[in-house]
Amino acid sequence: MKLFYNRLVCFLEALVCLCFFSFFVMVLLLVVLRYLFNSSITGGNEIITILFVYTTAIGAALAVGRRDHIAINILKERMSMRMARHLNMLQLALVGAINFALVWFSFPWISQTGDNLMPTIGIARSVVQLSIPIGCGLAVLFCIATAIVVFEEAKTGGSEHSKNQDHSS
């Protein structure tokens, strides 16, 4: 499970970087076209908005999935490892539950409003609205994977991260 978790993190971080790079190139291209050639790309601003929404959704899922939160590390220093683990599991359960609810309730909303077309580029709004179940679904997946990794580490007696910190001190 730890290998799956690490590969998922790497893949999504690469995807976010690709979105940011595309975002940057598109903004740069629009600025150059507008100010040097008095032209533009039809729908360019909407494409940038769509990239921004997906980057935010995937980035939020990554933030949920990161196991090296500063708050968790501070808690581990101030309380017993068992109590910190229980608090971590509670946090994962609550974040997973709210994201699952968002996924669940987003589909009826998308089915009602997703057929409306975006004015400039003429694609369905559901293309953008799907970022909600994708981002929240990834957050749920991260919560489950993180909980499994934390549970496995508890069974084996600790994390590699904390063992590496002990050796470096």
N, C-alpha and C. Protein backbone atom coordinates (compact mmCIF):
# COMPACT_ATOMS: atom_id res chain seq x y z
N MET A 1 0.82 -1.20 0.00
CA MET A 1 0.00 0.00 0.00
C MET A 1 0.87 1.26 0.00
N LYS A 2 2.00 1.18 0.68
CA LYS A 2 2.88 2.34 0.74
C LYS A 2 3.41 2.70 -0.65
N LEU A 3 3.70 1.68 -1.47
CA LEU A 3 4.16 1.91 -2.84
C LEU A 3 3.07 2.57 -3.67
N PHE A 4 1.83 2.09 -3.54
CA PHE A 4 0.70 2.70 -4.24
C PHE A 4 0.55 4.15 -3.83
N TYR A 5 0.61 4.40 -2.53
CA TYR A 5 0.48 5.75 -1.99
C TYR A 5 1.55 6.67 -2.58
N ASN A 6 2.80 6.24 -2.54
CA ASN A 6 3.90 7.07 -3.05
C ASN A 6 3.78 7.33 -4.54
N ARG A 7 3.38 6.31 -5.30
CA ARG A 7 3.21 6.51 -6.75
C ARG A 7 2.05 7.45 -7.06
N LEU A 8 0.97 7.35 -6.29
CA LEU A 8 -0.16 8.25 -6.48
C LEU A 8 0.24 9.69 -6.19
N VAL A 9 0.99 9.89 -5.13
CA VAL A 9 1.47 11.24 -4.80
C VAL A 9 2.35 11.78 -5.92
N CYS A 10 3.29 10.98 -6.41
CA CYS A 10 4.18 11.42 -7.49
C CYS A 10 3.41 11.75 -8.75
N PHE A 11 2.45 10.90 -9.11
CA PHE A 11 1.66 11.12 -10.32
C PHE A 11 0.86 12.42 -10.21
N LEU A 12 0.19 12.62 -9.07
CA LEU A 12 -0.63 13.82 -8.92
C LEU A 12 0.21 15.08 -8.80
N GLU A 13 1.38 14.99 -8.17
CA GLU A 13 2.27 16.15 -8.13
C GLU A 13 2.74 16.51 -9.53
N ALA A 14 3.04 15.50 -10.35
CA ALA A 14 3.44 15.77 -11.74
C ALA A 14 2.28 16.38 -12.51
N LEU A 15 1.06 15.91 -12.25
CA LEU A 15 -0.12 16.45 -12.93
C LEU A 15 -0.35 17.91 -12.55
N VAL A 16 -0.19 18.23 -11.27
CA VAL A 16 -0.33 19.62 -10.83
C VAL A 16 0.73 20.49 -11.47
N CYS A 17 1.97 20.00 -11.53
CA CYS A 17 3.05 20.75 -12.20
C CYS A 17 2.74 20.98 -13.67
N LEU A 18 2.21 19.97 -14.33
CA LEU A 18 1.83 20.11 -15.73
C LEU A 18 0.72 21.15 -15.90
N CYS A 19 -0.25 21.13 -15.00
CA CYS A 19 -1.32 22.13 -15.05
C CYS A 19 -0.76 23.54 -14.84
N PHE A 20 0.14 23.68 -13.84
CA PHE A 20 0.74 24.99 -13.60
C PHE A 20 1.56 25.46 -14.81
N PHE A 21 2.31 24.56 -15.41
CA PHE A 21 3.10 24.91 -16.58
C PHE A 21 2.18 25.33 -17.73
N SER A 22 1.11 24.57 -17.96
CA SER A 22 0.14 24.92 -19.01
C SER A 22 -0.51 26.26 -18.72
N PHE A 23 -0.84 26.47 -17.47
CA PHE A 23 -1.43 27.73 -17.01
C PHE A 23 -0.48 28.88 -17.33
N PHE A 24 0.79 28.74 -16.98
CA PHE A 24 1.80 29.77 -17.21
C PHE A 24 1.97 30.05 -18.70
N VAL A 25 2.11 28.99 -19.50
CA VAL A 25 2.31 29.15 -20.95
C VAL A 25 1.10 29.85 -21.57
N MET A 26 -0.09 29.46 -21.16
CA MET A 26 -1.30 30.05 -21.73
C MET A 26 -1.40 31.54 -21.38
N VAL A 27 -1.12 31.89 -20.13
CA VAL A 27 -1.16 33.30 -19.73
C VAL A 27 -0.11 34.09 -20.50
N LEU A 28 1.09 33.56 -20.60
CA LEU A 28 2.15 34.22 -21.33
C LEU A 28 1.77 34.41 -22.80
N LEU A 29 1.23 33.38 -23.40
CA LEU A 29 0.80 33.45 -24.79
C LEU A 29 -0.30 34.49 -24.99
N LEU A 30 -1.26 34.52 -24.09
CA LEU A 30 -2.34 35.50 -24.20
C LEU A 30 -1.83 36.93 -24.05
N VAL A 31 -0.89 37.14 -23.14
CA VAL A 31 -0.32 38.48 -22.95
C VAL A 31 0.45 38.91 -24.19
N VAL A 32 1.29 38.03 -24.73
CA VAL A 32 2.06 38.36 -25.93
C VAL A 32 1.13 38.64 -27.10
N LEU A 33 0.14 37.79 -27.29
CA LEU A 33 -0.80 38.01 -28.41
C LEU A 33 -1.56 39.31 -28.25
N ARG A 34 -2.00 39.60 -27.02
CA ARG A 34 -2.80 40.80 -26.82
C ARG A 34 -1.99 42.07 -27.00
N TYR A 35 -0.80 42.15 -26.41
CA TYR A 35 -0.05 43.41 -26.40
C TYR A 35 0.88 43.58 -27.59
N LEU A 36 1.30 42.51 -28.22
CA LEU A 36 2.18 42.65 -29.37
C LEU A 36 1.43 42.55 -30.70
N PHE A 37 0.40 41.71 -30.74
CA PHE A 37 -0.28 41.47 -32.00
C PHE A 37 -1.75 41.90 -31.99
N ASN A 38 -2.21 42.48 -30.87
CA ASN A 38 -3.59 42.93 -30.74
C ASN A 38 -4.57 41.82 -31.14
N SER A 39 -4.29 40.62 -30.66
CA SER A 39 -5.10 39.45 -30.97
C SER A 39 -5.28 38.63 -29.69
N SER A 40 -6.00 37.54 -29.79
CA SER A 40 -6.20 36.68 -28.63
C SER A 40 -6.61 35.29 -29.09
N ILE A 41 -6.68 34.37 -28.16
CA ILE A 41 -7.17 33.02 -28.44
C ILE A 41 -8.59 32.95 -27.90
N THR A 42 -9.52 32.58 -28.76
CA THR A 42 -10.91 32.48 -28.35
C THR A 42 -11.03 31.43 -27.25
N GLY A 43 -11.59 31.84 -26.11
CA GLY A 43 -11.78 30.92 -25.00
C GLY A 43 -10.55 30.73 -24.13
N GLY A 44 -9.50 31.48 -24.40
CA GLY A 44 -8.27 31.34 -23.63
C GLY A 44 -8.46 31.58 -22.15
N ASN A 45 -9.24 32.59 -21.80
CA ASN A 45 -9.48 32.89 -20.39
C ASN A 45 -10.27 31.76 -19.72
N GLU A 46 -11.22 31.17 -20.44
CA GLU A 46 -11.98 30.05 -19.87
C GLU A 46 -11.10 28.82 -19.69
N ILE A 47 -10.19 28.59 -20.62
CA ILE A 47 -9.28 27.46 -20.50
C ILE A 47 -8.38 27.65 -19.28
N ILE A 48 -7.91 28.86 -19.06
CA ILE A 48 -7.09 29.15 -17.88
C ILE A 48 -7.90 28.90 -16.60
N THR A 49 -9.15 29.33 -16.60
CA THR A 49 -10.01 29.11 -15.44
C THR A 49 -10.21 27.62 -15.17
N ILE A 50 -10.43 26.85 -16.22
CA ILE A 50 -10.61 25.40 -16.07
C ILE A 50 -9.33 24.77 -15.51
N LEU A 51 -8.18 25.16 -16.04
CA LEU A 51 -6.91 24.63 -15.53
C LEU A 51 -6.72 25.00 -14.06
N PHE A 52 -7.09 26.22 -13.71
CA PHE A 52 -6.96 26.67 -12.32
C PHE A 52 -7.85 25.84 -11.39
N VAL A 53 -9.09 25.58 -11.82
CA VAL A 53 -10.02 24.80 -11.00
C VAL A 53 -9.49 23.39 -10.78
N TYR A 54 -9.02 22.74 -11.86
CA TYR A 54 -8.49 21.38 -11.72
C TYR A 54 -7.22 21.35 -10.89
N THR A 55 -6.36 22.35 -11.05
CA THR A 55 -5.13 22.42 -10.25
C THR A 55 -5.47 22.55 -8.78
N THR A 56 -6.46 23.37 -8.47
CA THR A 56 -6.89 23.55 -7.08
C THR A 56 -7.47 22.27 -6.51
N ALA A 57 -8.31 21.59 -7.28
CA ALA A 57 -8.95 20.36 -6.80
C ALA A 57 -7.92 19.27 -6.54
N ILE A 58 -7.00 19.09 -7.47
CA ILE A 58 -5.98 18.06 -7.30
C ILE A 58 -5.00 18.45 -6.18
N GLY A 59 -4.66 19.73 -6.12
CA GLY A 59 -3.78 20.20 -5.06
C GLY A 59 -4.39 20.04 -3.68
N ALA A 60 -5.69 20.27 -3.56
CA ALA A 60 -6.36 20.07 -2.27
C ALA A 60 -6.34 18.61 -1.87
N ALA A 61 -6.54 17.72 -2.83
CA ALA A 61 -6.46 16.28 -2.53
C ALA A 61 -5.05 15.91 -2.09
N LEU A 62 -4.05 16.48 -2.72
CA LEU A 62 -2.66 16.21 -2.32
C LEU A 62 -2.40 16.73 -0.90
N ALA A 63 -2.95 17.88 -0.58
CA ALA A 63 -2.74 18.44 0.76
C ALA A 63 -3.35 17.54 1.82
N VAL A 64 -4.50 16.94 1.51
CA VAL A 64 -5.13 16.00 2.44
C VAL A 64 -4.26 14.77 2.60
N GLY A 65 -3.69 14.31 1.50
CA GLY A 65 -2.97 13.04 1.52
C GLY A 65 -1.57 13.10 2.07
N ARG A 66 -1.01 14.27 2.22
CA ARG A 66 0.37 14.35 2.70
C ARG A 66 0.45 13.88 4.14
N ARG A 67 1.35 12.96 4.42
CA ARG A 67 1.48 12.39 5.75
C ARG A 67 2.46 13.17 6.61
N ASP A 68 3.11 14.18 6.06
CA ASP A 68 4.10 14.92 6.84
C ASP A 68 3.59 16.32 7.20
N HIS A 69 2.31 16.40 7.58
CA HIS A 69 1.75 17.68 8.01
C HIS A 69 2.51 18.20 9.21
N ILE A 70 2.72 19.48 9.27
CA ILE A 70 3.41 20.09 10.40
C ILE A 70 2.62 19.88 11.69
N ALA A 71 1.30 20.03 11.60
CA ALA A 71 0.47 19.88 12.81
C ALA A 71 0.58 18.47 13.39
N ILE A 72 0.60 17.47 12.53
CA ILE A 72 0.71 16.08 13.01
C ILE A 72 2.06 15.87 13.68
N ASN A 73 3.12 16.41 13.09
CA ASN A 73 4.45 16.26 13.69
C ASN A 73 4.54 16.96 15.04
N ILE A 74 3.90 18.12 15.17
CA ILE A 74 3.89 18.83 16.45
C ILE A 74 3.12 18.01 17.49
N LEU A 75 1.99 17.44 17.06
CA LEU A 75 1.21 16.61 17.98
C LEU A 75 2.01 15.41 18.46
N LYS A 76 2.76 14.79 17.55
CA LYS A 76 3.55 13.62 17.93
C LYS A 76 4.60 13.97 18.97
N GLU A 77 5.10 15.20 18.92
CA GLU A 77 6.10 15.62 19.89
C GLU A 77 5.49 15.89 21.26
N ARG A 78 4.22 16.29 21.30
CA ARG A 78 3.60 16.73 22.55
C ARG A 78 2.72 15.69 23.23
N MET A 79 2.42 14.61 22.55
CA MET A 79 1.59 13.58 23.17
C MET A 79 2.12 12.21 22.81
N SER A 80 1.53 11.21 23.39
CA SER A 80 1.99 9.86 23.12
C SER A 80 1.74 9.50 21.66
N MET A 81 2.55 8.60 21.15
CA MET A 81 2.43 8.18 19.75
C MET A 81 1.06 7.56 19.50
N ARG A 82 0.55 6.81 20.47
CA ARG A 82 -0.75 6.17 20.32
C ARG A 82 -1.86 7.21 20.21
N MET A 83 -1.82 8.23 21.07
CA MET A 83 -2.84 9.28 21.04
C MET A 83 -2.74 10.07 19.73
N ALA A 84 -1.54 10.38 19.29
CA ALA A 84 -1.35 11.10 18.03
C ALA A 84 -1.89 10.28 16.86
N ARG A 85 -1.67 8.98 16.88
CA ARG A 85 -2.17 8.10 15.82
C ARG A 85 -3.70 8.09 15.80
N HIS A 86 -4.32 8.01 16.98
CA HIS A 86 -5.78 8.03 17.06
C HIS A 86 -6.34 9.37 16.56
N LEU A 87 -5.69 10.44 16.93
CA LEU A 87 -6.12 11.76 16.46
C LEU A 87 -5.95 11.89 14.95
N ASN A 88 -4.87 11.34 14.43
CA ASN A 88 -4.62 11.32 12.99
C ASN A 88 -5.72 10.53 12.27
N MET A 89 -6.09 9.37 12.82
CA MET A 89 -7.15 8.56 12.21
C MET A 89 -8.49 9.28 12.25
N LEU A 90 -8.77 9.99 13.35
CA LEU A 90 -10.01 10.76 13.45
C LEU A 90 -10.03 11.86 12.39
N GLN A 91 -8.90 12.53 12.24
CA GLN A 91 -8.81 13.58 11.22
C GLN A 91 -9.05 13.00 9.83
N LEU A 92 -8.43 11.87 9.53
CA LEU A 92 -8.61 11.24 8.23
C LEU A 92 -10.06 10.83 8.01
N ALA A 93 -10.69 10.31 9.05
CA ALA A 93 -12.10 9.89 8.93
C ALA A 93 -13.01 11.08 8.66
N LEU A 94 -12.79 12.18 9.38
CA LEU A 94 -13.64 13.36 9.19
C LEU A 94 -13.43 14.00 7.81
N VAL A 95 -12.18 14.14 7.40
CA VAL A 95 -11.89 14.71 6.09
C VAL A 95 -12.41 13.79 4.98
N GLY A 96 -12.24 12.48 5.16
CA GLY A 96 -12.76 11.52 4.19
C GLY A 96 -14.27 11.58 4.09
N ALA A 97 -14.95 11.71 5.24
CA ALA A 97 -16.42 11.75 5.25
C ALA A 97 -16.95 13.00 4.55
N ILE A 98 -16.36 14.15 4.82
CA ILE A 98 -16.86 15.38 4.19
C ILE A 98 -16.60 15.35 2.69
N ASN A 99 -15.46 14.82 2.29
CA ASN A 99 -15.17 14.73 0.86
C ASN A 99 -16.07 13.70 0.18
N PHE A 100 -16.37 12.61 0.86
CA PHE A 100 -17.29 11.62 0.30
C PHE A 100 -18.68 12.24 0.11
N ALA A 101 -19.12 13.03 1.09
CA ALA A 101 -20.42 13.71 0.96
C ALA A 101 -20.42 14.67 -0.23
N LEU A 102 -19.32 15.39 -0.41
CA LEU A 102 -19.23 16.30 -1.55
C LEU A 102 -19.28 15.55 -2.88
N VAL A 103 -18.62 14.40 -2.95
CA VAL A 103 -18.69 13.58 -4.16
C VAL A 103 -20.14 13.13 -4.39
N TRP A 104 -20.75 12.62 -3.34
CA TRP A 104 -22.11 12.08 -3.42
C TRP A 104 -23.12 13.13 -3.91
N PHE A 105 -23.04 14.33 -3.33
CA PHE A 105 -24.02 15.37 -3.68
C PHE A 105 -23.65 16.15 -4.93
N SER A 106 -22.44 16.00 -5.44
CA SER A 106 -22.05 16.74 -6.64
C SER A 106 -22.67 16.16 -7.90
N PHE A 107 -22.92 14.86 -7.93
CA PHE A 107 -23.45 14.26 -9.15
C PHE A 107 -24.87 14.73 -9.49
N PRO A 108 -25.80 14.83 -8.52
CA PRO A 108 -27.11 15.40 -8.88
C PRO A 108 -27.01 16.85 -9.35
N TRP A 109 -26.12 17.62 -8.72
CA TRP A 109 -25.93 19.01 -9.13
C TRP A 109 -25.39 19.09 -10.55
N ILE A 110 -24.40 18.26 -10.86
CA ILE A 110 -23.83 18.26 -12.21
C ILE A 110 -24.86 17.82 -13.24
N SER A 111 -25.68 16.83 -12.88
CA SER A 111 -26.70 16.36 -13.84
C SER A 111 -27.75 17.42 -14.11
N GLN A 112 -28.00 18.32 -13.16
CA GLN A 112 -28.99 19.38 -13.35
C GLN A 112 -28.42 20.58 -14.09
N THR A 113 -27.18 20.94 -13.82
CA THR A 113 -26.63 22.18 -14.37
C THR A 113 -25.50 21.98 -15.37
N GLY A 114 -25.02 20.76 -15.51
CA GLY A 114 -23.83 20.51 -16.33
C GLY A 114 -24.05 20.61 -17.83
N ASP A 115 -25.30 20.57 -18.28
CA ASP A 115 -25.55 20.65 -19.72
C ASP A 115 -25.46 22.07 -20.27
N ASN A 116 -25.49 23.07 -19.40
CA ASN A 116 -25.36 24.45 -19.86
C ASN A 116 -23.99 24.64 -20.49
N LEU A 117 -23.95 25.38 -21.59
CA LEU A 117 -22.69 25.59 -22.30
C LEU A 117 -21.94 26.79 -21.77
N MET A 118 -20.63 26.70 -21.78
CA MET A 118 -19.80 27.85 -21.45
C MET A 118 -19.87 28.81 -22.63
N PRO A 119 -20.03 30.10 -22.37
CA PRO A 119 -20.33 31.04 -23.46
C PRO A 119 -19.29 31.14 -24.57
N THR A 120 -18.02 31.19 -24.24
CA THR A 120 -17.02 31.45 -25.27
C THR A 120 -16.60 30.21 -26.03
N ILE A 121 -16.28 29.14 -25.32
CA ILE A 121 -15.76 27.96 -26.03
C ILE A 121 -16.82 26.92 -26.32
N GLY A 122 -18.00 27.09 -25.75
CA GLY A 122 -19.13 26.24 -26.11
C GLY A 122 -19.08 24.80 -25.60
N ILE A 123 -18.27 24.52 -24.57
CA ILE A 123 -18.28 23.17 -24.01
C ILE A 123 -19.19 23.17 -22.78
N ALA A 124 -19.65 21.99 -22.41
CA ALA A 124 -20.57 21.87 -21.28
C ALA A 124 -19.87 22.23 -19.98
N ARG A 125 -20.62 22.87 -19.10
CA ARG A 125 -20.08 23.25 -17.79
C ARG A 125 -19.69 22.03 -16.95
N SER A 126 -20.22 20.88 -17.30
CA SER A 126 -19.90 19.67 -16.55
C SER A 126 -18.40 19.35 -16.62
N VAL A 127 -17.72 19.83 -17.68
CA VAL A 127 -16.28 19.62 -17.79
C VAL A 127 -15.56 20.25 -16.59
N VAL A 128 -15.99 21.44 -16.20
CA VAL A 128 -15.39 22.11 -15.04
C VAL A 128 -15.95 21.53 -13.75
N GLN A 129 -17.26 21.26 -13.73
CA GLN A 129 -17.89 20.78 -12.51
C GLN A 129 -17.39 19.40 -12.09
N LEU A 130 -16.90 18.63 -13.02
CA LEU A 130 -16.36 17.31 -12.69
C LEU A 130 -15.10 17.41 -11.83
N SER A 131 -14.51 18.59 -11.76
CA SER A 131 -13.34 18.75 -10.90
C SER A 131 -13.69 18.51 -9.43
N ILE A 132 -14.93 18.75 -9.06
CA ILE A 132 -15.33 18.55 -7.67
C ILE A 132 -15.32 17.07 -7.29
N PRO A 133 -16.05 16.20 -8.02
CA PRO A 133 -15.96 14.79 -7.63
C PRO A 133 -14.57 14.18 -7.85
N ILE A 134 -13.83 14.68 -8.83
CA ILE A 134 -12.48 14.16 -9.04
C ILE A 134 -11.57 14.53 -7.87
N GLY A 135 -11.54 15.81 -7.52
CA GLY A 135 -10.69 16.26 -6.41
C GLY A 135 -11.11 15.66 -5.08
N CYS A 136 -12.40 15.66 -4.80
CA CYS A 136 -12.89 15.10 -3.53
C CYS A 136 -12.73 13.58 -3.51
N GLY A 137 -12.92 12.93 -4.65
CA GLY A 137 -12.71 11.49 -4.72
C GLY A 137 -11.26 11.12 -4.46
N LEU A 138 -10.35 11.93 -5.01
CA LEU A 138 -8.93 11.71 -4.74
C LEU A 138 -8.62 11.93 -3.26
N ALA A 139 -9.27 12.92 -2.65
CA ALA A 139 -9.07 13.16 -1.22
C ALA A 139 -9.54 11.95 -0.40
N VAL A 140 -10.68 11.37 -0.77
CA VAL A 140 -11.16 10.17 -0.07
C VAL A 140 -10.17 9.03 -0.26
N LEU A 141 -9.69 8.86 -1.48
CA LEU A 141 -8.70 7.81 -1.76
C LEU A 141 -7.45 8.01 -0.92
N PHE A 142 -6.99 9.26 -0.82
CA PHE A 142 -5.81 9.56 -0.01
C PHE A 142 -6.07 9.28 1.47
N CYS A 143 -7.26 9.61 1.95
CA CYS A 143 -7.58 9.35 3.36
C CYS A 143 -7.54 7.85 3.64
N ILE A 144 -8.11 7.06 2.76
CA ILE A 144 -8.12 5.61 2.94
C ILE A 144 -6.69 5.06 2.88
N ALA A 145 -5.93 5.48 1.86
CA ALA A 145 -4.55 4.98 1.71
C ALA A 145 -3.69 5.40 2.89
N THR A 146 -3.85 6.65 3.34
CA THR A 146 -3.06 7.12 4.48
C THR A 146 -3.42 6.36 5.75
N ALA A 147 -4.71 6.11 5.95
CA ALA A 147 -5.13 5.36 7.13
C ALA A 147 -4.55 3.94 7.11
N ILE A 148 -4.53 3.33 5.94
CA ILE A 148 -3.97 1.98 5.83
C ILE A 148 -2.46 2.01 6.11
N VAL A 149 -1.76 3.00 5.57
CA VAL A 149 -0.32 3.10 5.80
C VAL A 149 -0.03 3.36 7.28
N VAL A 150 -0.82 4.24 7.91
CA VAL A 150 -0.62 4.52 9.34
C VAL A 150 -0.90 3.26 10.15
N PHE A 151 -1.95 2.53 9.79
CA PHE A 151 -2.29 1.28 10.49
C PHE A 151 -1.17 0.25 10.33
N GLU A 152 -0.64 0.12 9.10
CA GLU A 152 0.46 -0.83 8.87
C GLU A 152 1.70 -0.44 9.66
N GLU A 153 1.98 0.87 9.73
CA GLU A 153 3.13 1.33 10.50
C GLU A 153 2.95 1.06 11.98
N ALA A 154 1.71 1.17 12.45
CA ALA A 154 1.45 0.89 13.87
C ALA A 154 1.69 -0.59 14.17
N LYS A 155 1.34 -1.44 13.22
CA LYS A 155 1.54 -2.88 13.42
C LYS A 155 3.02 -3.24 13.41
N THR A 156 3.80 -2.54 12.57
CA THR A 156 5.23 -2.86 12.48
C THR A 156 6.07 -2.10 13.49
N GLY A 157 5.46 -1.16 14.20
CA GLY A 157 6.19 -0.48 15.26
C GLY A 157 6.77 0.86 14.91
N GLY A 158 6.25 1.56 13.94
CA GLY A 158 6.73 2.91 13.63
C GLY A 158 6.94 3.12 12.17
N SER A 159 7.14 4.35 11.81
CA SER A 159 7.31 4.71 10.41
C SER A 159 8.77 4.80 10.05
N GLU A 160 9.05 4.62 8.78
CA GLU A 160 10.43 4.79 8.30
C GLU A 160 10.87 6.23 8.48
N HIS A 161 9.90 7.17 8.33
CA HIS A 161 10.21 8.59 8.46
C HIS A 161 10.75 8.89 9.86
N SER A 162 10.06 8.38 10.89
CA SER A 162 10.52 8.65 12.25
C SER A 162 11.81 7.90 12.55
N LYS A 163 12.01 6.71 11.98
CA LYS A 163 13.26 5.99 12.18
C LYS A 163 14.42 6.74 11.56
N ASN A 164 14.19 7.31 10.36
CA ASN A 164 15.24 8.09 9.71
C ASN A 164 15.58 9.33 10.52
N GLN A 165 14.57 9.95 11.15
CA GLN A 165 14.85 11.12 11.97
C GLN A 165 15.66 10.72 13.20
N ASP A 166 15.38 9.56 13.78
CA ASP A 166 16.11 9.12 14.96
C ASP A 166 17.59 8.90 14.64
N HIS A 167 17.90 8.34 13.46
CA HIS A 167 19.27 8.08 13.07
C HIS A 167 20.02 9.37 12.74
N SER A 168 19.30 10.37 12.26
CA SER A 168 19.98 11.62 11.87
C SER A 168 20.27 12.50 13.07
N SER A 169 19.58 12.27 14.20
CA SER A 169 19.79 13.11 15.40
C SER A 169 21.06 12.79 16.12
